[in-house]
Amino acid sequence: MTPKKNKWWINTIRERNYFGFRYWWFNYLIVILTIFLFGLTWIGSNDKSKSCLKSIKLYKNVSDINDALSSCCTCNLPPRAPSDTFAVDCPDRILALQVCNANSVVDDNFYVYLNGTKIGELDLNKSAQIGSVFLATTNTGITIKDADFKCPIENMEIYYFDPKLLNYGNNMIIMKNVKANNHGNEGSIEIRNYLLSGSSLSSPCKVKDLNYSGSTGEDFTITFKYTRCCE
């Protein structure tokens, strides 16, 4: 009797069942590898999604900054100081500060500080209208042509200082006593803005008129507000 020949698909199933039974560990390995590869794919997709969200947030932040900068002209900001000028923007003008003993009586000698920086000296040991003028420029070739100070400009020592020392708003002048001349102290402090033409200063406008007064050997601290070119 001739044995019955099975169909091919029956033989294939039997062979695979036998393989799976004998090499069961291989099946487990396939399953584990499949899960591992799926996990890697899911993590990579999640990281990419997070990266996209971060990019969107960054783009929005940059856009907000650009919008703020574009509308900055509406900000109520104080004037900015351009290079080699003052805290207040006064085109073609230079600030001048004169300190003198306007009553022609001997005063003490002082070092003069503006906002904590020494800008010059005062030798007032003489019965005359003498003192110093301090110009807010680093150009030492500039001179005052038409002065309107109480004391004659020809009796003044001229000093120059960096205009960046000036503040927008409150400023402090300190007169540090370095020599007592034993006649008390009384004098004027006048602040002007002069129009610059070439190397000459003229056409002044008043910023502030101040005074100092006290005993011999005394230091003086004077403050003034600077927010406009002229009063």
C-alpha atoms as a PDB file:
ATOM      1  CA  MET A   1       0.000   0.000   0.000  1.00  0.00           C
ATOM      2  CA  THR A   2       1.430   3.309  -1.027  1.00  0.00           C
ATOM      3  CA  PRO A   3       1.701   5.936   1.843  1.00  0.00           C
ATOM      4  CA  LYS A   4      -0.497   9.012   1.353  1.00  0.00           C
ATOM      5  CA  LYS A   5       1.482  12.068   0.341  1.00  0.00           C
ATOM      6  CA  ASN A   6       0.585  15.189   2.295  1.00  0.00           C
ATOM      7  CA  LYS A   7       0.162  18.548   0.685  1.00  0.00           C
ATOM      8  CA  TRP A   8       3.056  21.000   0.761  1.00  0.00           C
ATOM      9  CA  TRP A   9       1.466  23.447   3.179  1.00  0.00           C
ATOM     10  CA  ILE A  10       0.865  20.691   5.734  1.00  0.00           C
ATOM     11  CA  ASN A  11       4.531  19.715   5.572  1.00  0.00           C
ATOM     12  CA  THR A  12       5.580  23.370   5.909  1.00  0.00           C
ATOM     13  CA  ILE A  13       3.489  23.849   9.066  1.00  0.00           C
ATOM     14  CA  ARG A  14       4.887  20.659  10.594  1.00  0.00           C
ATOM     15  CA  GLU A  15       8.476  21.706   9.842  1.00  0.00           C
ATOM     16  CA  ARG A  16       7.969  25.156  11.375  1.00  0.00           C
ATOM     17  CA  ASN A  17       6.294  23.707  14.440  1.00  0.00           C
ATOM     18  CA  TYR A  18       9.204  21.356  14.919  1.00  0.00           C
ATOM     19  CA  PHE A  19      11.686  24.237  14.465  1.00  0.00           C
ATOM     20  CA  GLY A  20       9.775  26.389  16.899  1.00  0.00           C
ATOM     21  CA  PHE A  21       9.637  23.617  19.452  1.00  0.00           C
ATOM     22  CA  ARG A  22      13.298  22.720  19.237  1.00  0.00           C
ATOM     23  CA  TYR A  23      14.589  26.282  19.021  1.00  0.00           C
ATOM     24  CA  TRP A  24      12.130  27.998  21.353  1.00  0.00           C
ATOM     25  CA  TRP A  25      14.777  30.405  22.608  1.00  0.00           C
ATOM     26  CA  PHE A  26      15.101  31.812  19.100  1.00  0.00           C
ATOM     27  CA  ASN A  27      11.432  32.786  19.117  1.00  0.00           C
ATOM     28  CA  TYR A  28      11.870  34.640  22.389  1.00  0.00           C
ATOM     29  CA  LEU A  29      14.883  36.438  20.935  1.00  0.00           C
ATOM     30  CA  ILE A  30      12.837  37.593  17.940  1.00  0.00           C
ATOM     31  CA  VAL A  31      10.085  38.923  20.224  1.00  0.00           C
ATOM     32  CA  ILE A  32      12.558  40.789  22.476  1.00  0.00           C
ATOM     33  CA  LEU A  33      14.334  42.354  19.486  1.00  0.00           C
ATOM     34  CA  THR A  34      11.002  43.443  18.042  1.00  0.00           C
ATOM     35  CA  ILE A  35      10.000  45.157  21.294  1.00  0.00           C
ATOM     36  CA  PHE A  36      13.441  46.810  21.583  1.00  0.00           C
ATOM     37  CA  LEU A  37      13.310  48.192  18.031  1.00  0.00           C
ATOM     38  CA  PHE A  38       9.760  49.475  18.575  1.00  0.00           C
ATOM     39  CA  GLY A  39      10.892  51.232  21.737  1.00  0.00           C
ATOM     40  CA  LEU A  40      13.789  52.948  19.979  1.00  0.00           C
ATOM     41  CA  THR A  41      11.469  54.137  17.213  1.00  0.00           C
ATOM     42  CA  TRP A  42       8.951  55.552  19.721  1.00  0.00           C
ATOM     43  CA  ILE A  43      11.631  57.374  21.787  1.00  0.00           C
ATOM     44  CA  GLY A  44      13.181  58.913  18.681  1.00  0.00           C
ATOM     45  CA  SER A  45       9.787  60.118  17.509  1.00  0.00           C
ATOM     46  CA  ASN A  46       9.050  61.614  20.949  1.00  0.00           C
ATOM     47  CA  ASP A  47      12.420  63.457  21.059  1.00  0.00           C
ATOM     48  CA  LYS A  48      11.799  64.864  17.613  1.00  0.00           C
ATOM     49  CA  SER A  49       8.389  66.120  18.732  1.00  0.00           C
ATOM     50  CA  LYS A  50       9.942  67.826  21.796  1.00  0.00           C
ATOM     51  CA  SER A  51      12.637  69.395  19.613  1.00  0.00           C
ATOM     52  CA  CYS A  52       9.951  70.806  17.316  1.00  0.00           C
ATOM     53  CA  LEU A  53       8.093  72.292  20.304  1.00  0.00           C
ATOM     54  CA  LYS A  54      11.309  73.938  21.548  1.00  0.00           C
ATOM     55  CA  SER A  55      11.954  75.388  18.083  1.00  0.00           C
ATOM     56  CA  ILE A  56       8.430  76.804  17.960  1.00  0.00           C
ATOM     57  CA  LYS A  57       8.874  78.432  21.413  1.00  0.00           C
ATOM     58  CA  LEU A  58      12.264  79.863  20.429  1.00  0.00           C
ATOM     59  CA  TYR A  59      10.832  81.294  17.223  1.00  0.00           C
ATOM     60  CA  LYS A  60       8.006  82.919  19.209  1.00  0.00           C
ATOM     61  CA  ASN A  61      10.475  84.442  21.712  1.00  0.00           C
ATOM     62  CA  VAL A  62      12.609  85.871  18.894  1.00  0.00           C
ATOM     63  CA  SER A  63       9.473  87.244  17.255  1.00  0.00           C
ATOM     64  CA  ASP A  64       8.411  88.913  20.542  1.00  0.00           C
ATOM     65  CA  ILE A  65      11.869  90.509  20.933  1.00  0.00           C
ATOM     66  CA  ASN A  66      11.757  91.840  17.373  1.00  0.00           C
ATOM     67  CA  ASP A  67       8.302  93.308  17.984  1.00  0.00           C
ATOM     68  CA  ALA A  68       9.520  94.991  21.188  1.00  0.00           C
ATOM     69  CA  LEU A  69      12.543  96.488  19.433  1.00  0.00           C
ATOM     70  CA  SER A  70      10.381  97.676  16.539  1.00  0.00           C
ATOM     71  CA  SER A  71       8.089  99.553  18.924  1.00  0.00           C
ATOM     72  CA  CYS A  72      10.940 100.930  21.082  1.00  0.00           C
ATOM     73  CA  CYS A  73      10.402 104.407  19.648  1.00  0.00           C
ATOM     74  CA  THR A  74       7.283 104.570  21.802  1.00  0.00           C
ATOM     75  CA  CYS A  75       9.258 103.943  24.989  1.00  0.00           C
ATOM     76  CA  ASN A  76       9.470 107.019  27.213  1.00  0.00           C
ATOM     77  CA  LEU A  77      13.253 106.854  27.671  1.00  0.00           C
ATOM     78  CA  PRO A  78      15.539 109.759  28.705  1.00  0.00           C
ATOM     79  CA  PRO A  79      17.956 111.140  26.108  1.00  0.00           C
ATOM     80  CA  ARG A  80      21.064 109.018  25.602  1.00  0.00           C
ATOM     81  CA  ALA A  81      24.551 110.481  25.721  1.00  0.00           C
ATOM     82  CA  PRO A  82      26.416 110.375  22.398  1.00  0.00           C
ATOM     83  CA  SER A  83      30.195 110.012  22.385  1.00  0.00           C
ATOM     84  CA  ASP A  84      32.170 112.923  23.883  1.00  0.00           C
ATOM     85  CA  THR A  85      29.091 114.909  24.836  1.00  0.00           C
ATOM     86  CA  PHE A  86      26.861 115.183  27.882  1.00  0.00           C
ATOM     87  CA  ALA A  87      24.135 113.267  29.660  1.00  0.00           C
ATOM     88  CA  VAL A  88      21.677 115.668  27.990  1.00  0.00           C
ATOM     89  CA  ASP A  89      21.851 115.769  24.202  1.00  0.00           C
ATOM     90  CA  CYS A  90      22.684 119.403  23.344  1.00  0.00           C
ATOM     91  CA  PRO A  91      24.019 119.491  19.766  1.00  0.00           C
ATOM     92  CA  ASP A  92      26.966 121.823  19.181  1.00  0.00           C
ATOM     93  CA  ARG A  93      27.042 122.919  22.813  1.00  0.00           C
ATOM     94  CA  ILE A  94      29.553 122.341  25.616  1.00  0.00           C
ATOM     95  CA  LEU A  95      28.774 122.637  29.295  1.00  0.00           C
ATOM     96  CA  ALA A  96      30.937 125.027  31.341  1.00  0.00           C
ATOM     97  CA  LEU A  97      31.067 125.303  35.134  1.00  0.00           C
ATOM     98  CA  GLN A  98      32.612 128.338  36.857  1.00  0.00           C
ATOM     99  CA  VAL A  99      33.477 128.482  40.574  1.00  0.00           C
ATOM    100  CA  CYS A 100      34.814 131.754  41.940  1.00  0.00           C
ATOM    101  CA  ASN A 101      34.858 133.965  45.029  1.00  0.00           C
ATOM    102  CA  ALA A 102      32.495 136.539  43.548  1.00  0.00           C
ATOM    103  CA  ASN A 103      32.747 138.850  46.591  1.00  0.00           C
ATOM    104  CA  SER A 104      36.504 139.358  46.020  1.00  0.00           C
ATOM    105  CA  VAL A 105      37.340 138.168  49.545  1.00  0.00           C
ATOM    106  CA  VAL A 106      40.010 135.522  50.148  1.00  0.00           C
ATOM    107  CA  ASP A 107      38.573 131.973  50.307  1.00  0.00           C
ATOM    108  CA  ASP A 108      40.194 128.606  50.989  1.00  0.00           C
ATOM    109  CA  ASN A 109      41.793 126.350  48.369  1.00  0.00           C
ATOM    110  CA  PHE A 110      39.937 123.278  47.123  1.00  0.00           C
ATOM    111  CA  TYR A 111      40.050 120.173  44.978  1.00  0.00           C
ATOM    112  CA  VAL A 112      36.881 119.957  42.856  1.00  0.00           C
ATOM    113  CA  TYR A 113      35.097 116.647  42.217  1.00  0.00           C
ATOM    114  CA  LEU A 114      32.182 115.944  39.888  1.00  0.00           C
ATOM    115  CA  ASN A 115      30.221 112.790  40.694  1.00  0.00           C
ATOM    116  CA  GLY A 116      33.215 111.363  42.561  1.00  0.00           C
ATOM    117  CA  THR A 117      35.942 112.199  39.996  1.00  0.00           C
ATOM    118  CA  LYS A 118      38.412 115.033  40.414  1.00  0.00           C
ATOM    119  CA  ILE A 119      38.082 117.559  37.592  1.00  0.00           C
ATOM    120  CA  GLY A 120      40.392 120.346  38.793  1.00  0.00           C
ATOM    121  CA  GLU A 121      41.433 122.717  41.583  1.00  0.00           C
ATOM    122  CA  LEU A 122      40.576 126.103  43.079  1.00  0.00           C
ATOM    123  CA  ASP A 123      43.188 128.538  44.369  1.00  0.00           C
ATOM    124  CA  LEU A 124      41.160 131.349  45.989  1.00  0.00           C
ATOM    125  CA  ASN A 125      43.891 132.818  48.203  1.00  0.00           C
ATOM    126  CA  LYS A 126      43.587 136.349  46.833  1.00  0.00           C
ATOM    127  CA  SER A 127      41.274 139.330  47.353  1.00  0.00           C
ATOM    128  CA  ALA A 128      39.924 139.335  43.795  1.00  0.00           C
ATOM    129  CA  GLN A 129      37.294 137.627  41.645  1.00  0.00           C
ATOM    130  CA  ILE A 130      39.379 134.565  40.892  1.00  0.00           C
ATOM    131  CA  GLY A 131      38.520 130.915  40.433  1.00  0.00           C
ATOM    132  CA  SER A 132      38.341 128.144  37.844  1.00  0.00           C
ATOM    133  CA  VAL A 133      36.245 127.149  34.850  1.00  0.00           C
ATOM    134  CA  PHE A 134      35.651 123.478  34.078  1.00  0.00           C
ATOM    135  CA  LEU A 135      34.724 122.565  30.481  1.00  0.00           C
ATOM    136  CA  ALA A 136      32.940 119.315  29.638  1.00  0.00           C
ATOM    137  CA  THR A 137      35.164 118.337  26.725  1.00  0.00           C
ATOM    138  CA  THR A 138      38.403 116.454  26.189  1.00  0.00           C
ATOM    139  CA  ASN A 139      39.479 118.944  23.493  1.00  0.00           C
ATOM    140  CA  THR A 140      41.930 121.205  25.336  1.00  0.00           C
ATOM    141  CA  GLY A 141      42.066 123.614  22.400  1.00  0.00           C
ATOM    142  CA  ILE A 142      38.571 124.951  23.063  1.00  0.00           C
ATOM    143  CA  THR A 143      38.283 128.406  24.688  1.00  0.00           C
ATOM    144  CA  ILE A 144      35.446 130.665  25.844  1.00  0.00           C
ATOM    145  CA  LYS A 145      35.039 133.707  23.618  1.00  0.00           C
ATOM    146  CA  ASP A 146      31.961 135.407  25.095  1.00  0.00           C
ATOM    147  CA  ALA A 147      31.535 134.603  28.790  1.00  0.00           C
ATOM    148  CA  ASP A 148      28.583 135.670  30.928  1.00  0.00           C
ATOM    149  CA  PHE A 149      29.927 134.608  34.349  1.00  0.00           C
ATOM    150  CA  LYS A 150      30.078 136.955  37.344  1.00  0.00           C
ATOM    151  CA  CYS A 151      33.851 136.686  37.498  1.00  0.00           C
ATOM    152  CA  PRO A 152      36.056 137.757  34.555  1.00  0.00           C
ATOM    153  CA  ILE A 153      37.073 134.845  32.346  1.00  0.00           C
ATOM    154  CA  GLU A 154      40.656 136.171  32.204  1.00  0.00           C
ATOM    155  CA  ASN A 155      40.980 135.573  35.963  1.00  0.00           C
ATOM    156  CA  MET A 156      40.023 131.893  35.641  1.00  0.00           C
ATOM    157  CA  GLU A 157      42.109 128.734  35.515  1.00  0.00           C
ATOM    158  CA  ILE A 158      40.707 126.472  32.770  1.00  0.00           C
ATOM    159  CA  TYR A 159      40.253 122.738  33.287  1.00  0.00           C
ATOM    160  CA  TYR A 160      38.812 120.099  30.949  1.00  0.00           C
ATOM    161  CA  PHE A 161      36.981 116.918  31.893  1.00  0.00           C
ATOM    162  CA  ASP A 162      35.287 113.956  30.247  1.00  0.00           C
ATOM    163  CA  PRO A 163      31.612 114.874  29.592  1.00  0.00           C
ATOM    164  CA  LYS A 164      30.655 111.270  30.379  1.00  0.00           C
ATOM    165  CA  LEU A 165      31.084 112.193  34.044  1.00  0.00           C
ATOM    166  CA  LEU A 166      27.819 114.111  33.843  1.00  0.00           C
ATOM    167  CA  ASN A 167      24.633 112.291  34.800  1.00  0.00           C
ATOM    168  CA  TYR A 168      21.167 112.704  33.425  1.00  0.00           C
ATOM    169  CA  GLY A 169      19.320 114.015  36.472  1.00  0.00           C
ATOM    170  CA  ASN A 170      21.162 114.511  39.767  1.00  0.00           C
ATOM    171  CA  ASN A 171      24.828 115.538  39.773  1.00  0.00           C
ATOM    172  CA  MET A 172      27.110 116.245  42.733  1.00  0.00           C
ATOM    173  CA  ILE A 173      29.923 118.790  43.024  1.00  0.00           C
ATOM    174  CA  ILE A 174      32.270 118.354  45.989  1.00  0.00           C
ATOM    175  CA  MET A 175      34.720 121.088  46.953  1.00  0.00           C
ATOM    176  CA  LYS A 176      37.324 119.329  49.117  1.00  0.00           C
ATOM    177  CA  ASN A 177      39.172 121.806  51.309  1.00  0.00           C
ATOM    178  CA  VAL A 178      42.941 121.390  50.958  1.00  0.00           C
ATOM    179  CA  LYS A 179      44.128 124.681  52.482  1.00  0.00           C
ATOM    180  CA  ALA A 180      42.422 126.983  54.976  1.00  0.00           C
ATOM    181  CA  ASN A 181      43.188 130.652  54.284  1.00  0.00           C
ATOM    182  CA  ASN A 182      41.282 131.828  57.379  1.00  0.00           C
ATOM    183  CA  HIS A 183      38.822 134.275  55.814  1.00  0.00           C
ATOM    184  CA  GLY A 184      35.727 132.117  55.599  1.00  0.00           C
ATOM    185  CA  ASN A 185      34.217 130.998  52.283  1.00  0.00           C
ATOM    186  CA  GLU A 186      31.572 132.511  50.054  1.00  0.00           C
ATOM    187  CA  GLY A 187      31.296 132.382  46.302  1.00  0.00           C
ATOM    188  CA  SER A 188      29.304 131.479  43.204  1.00  0.00           C
ATOM    189  CA  ILE A 189      28.915 128.368  41.066  1.00  0.00           C
ATOM    190  CA  GLU A 190      27.480 129.079  37.615  1.00  0.00           C
ATOM    191  CA  ILE A 191      26.698 126.407  35.031  1.00  0.00           C
ATOM    192  CA  ARG A 192      26.213 127.284  31.350  1.00  0.00           C
ATOM    193  CA  ASN A 193      25.888 125.622  27.968  1.00  0.00           C
ATOM    194  CA  TYR A 194      27.965 127.382  25.328  1.00  0.00           C
ATOM    195  CA  LEU A 195      27.548 127.129  21.581  1.00  0.00           C
ATOM    196  CA  LEU A 196      30.652 125.667  19.919  1.00  0.00           C
ATOM    197  CA  SER A 197      31.891 127.296  16.711  1.00  0.00           C
ATOM    198  CA  GLY A 198      35.251 126.016  15.559  1.00  0.00           C
ATOM    199  CA  SER A 199      37.285 126.069  18.758  1.00  0.00           C
ATOM    200  CA  SER A 200      35.415 128.990  20.382  1.00  0.00           C
ATOM    201  CA  LEU A 201      32.508 128.990  22.822  1.00  0.00           C
ATOM    202  CA  SER A 202      29.873 131.732  22.727  1.00  0.00           C
ATOM    203  CA  SER A 203      26.122 132.384  23.062  1.00  0.00           C
ATOM    204  CA  PRO A 204      25.722 130.784  26.516  1.00  0.00           C
ATOM    205  CA  CYS A 205      22.437 129.691  28.004  1.00  0.00           C
ATOM    206  CA  LYS A 206      21.906 129.182  31.731  1.00  0.00           C
ATOM    207  CA  VAL A 207      21.681 125.715  33.224  1.00  0.00           C
ATOM    208  CA  LYS A 208      21.925 126.592  36.926  1.00  0.00           C
ATOM    209  CA  ASP A 209      23.167 129.323  39.307  1.00  0.00           C
ATOM    210  CA  LEU A 210      24.352 128.120  42.732  1.00  0.00           C
ATOM    211  CA  ASN A 211      26.328 129.383  45.726  1.00  0.00           C
ATOM    212  CA  TYR A 212      28.633 128.054  48.421  1.00  0.00           C
ATOM    213  CA  SER A 213      29.093 129.612  51.841  1.00  0.00           C
ATOM    214  CA  GLY A 214      30.622 128.491  55.125  1.00  0.00           C
ATOM    215  CA  SER A 215      33.493 128.585  57.584  1.00  0.00           C
ATOM    216  CA  THR A 216      37.181 128.350  56.763  1.00  0.00           C
ATOM    217  CA  GLY A 217      38.472 124.773  56.525  1.00  0.00           C
ATOM    218  CA  GLU A 218      35.014 123.494  55.528  1.00  0.00           C
ATOM    219  CA  ASP A 219      34.209 121.137  52.627  1.00  0.00           C
ATOM    220  CA  PHE A 220      31.195 121.827  50.419  1.00  0.00           C
ATOM    221  CA  THR A 221      28.809 119.481  48.631  1.00  0.00           C
ATOM    222  CA  ILE A 222      26.502 121.005  46.028  1.00  0.00           C
ATOM    223  CA  THR A 223      23.975 119.097  43.924  1.00  0.00           C
ATOM    224  CA  PHE A 224      22.209 120.158  40.761  1.00  0.00           C
ATOM    225  CA  LYS A 225      19.739 118.531  38.397  1.00  0.00           C
ATOM    226  CA  TYR A 226      20.663 118.349  34.715  1.00  0.00           C
ATOM    227  CA  THR A 227      17.803 117.277  32.453  1.00  0.00           C
ATOM    228  CA  ARG A 228      17.649 120.131  29.894  1.00  0.00           C
ATOM    229  CA  CYS A 229      20.214 122.072  27.899  1.00  0.00           C
ATOM    230  CA  CYS A 230      18.949 125.369  29.297  1.00  0.00           C
ATOM    231  CA  GLU A 231      16.539 126.522  31.981  1.00  0.00           C
END
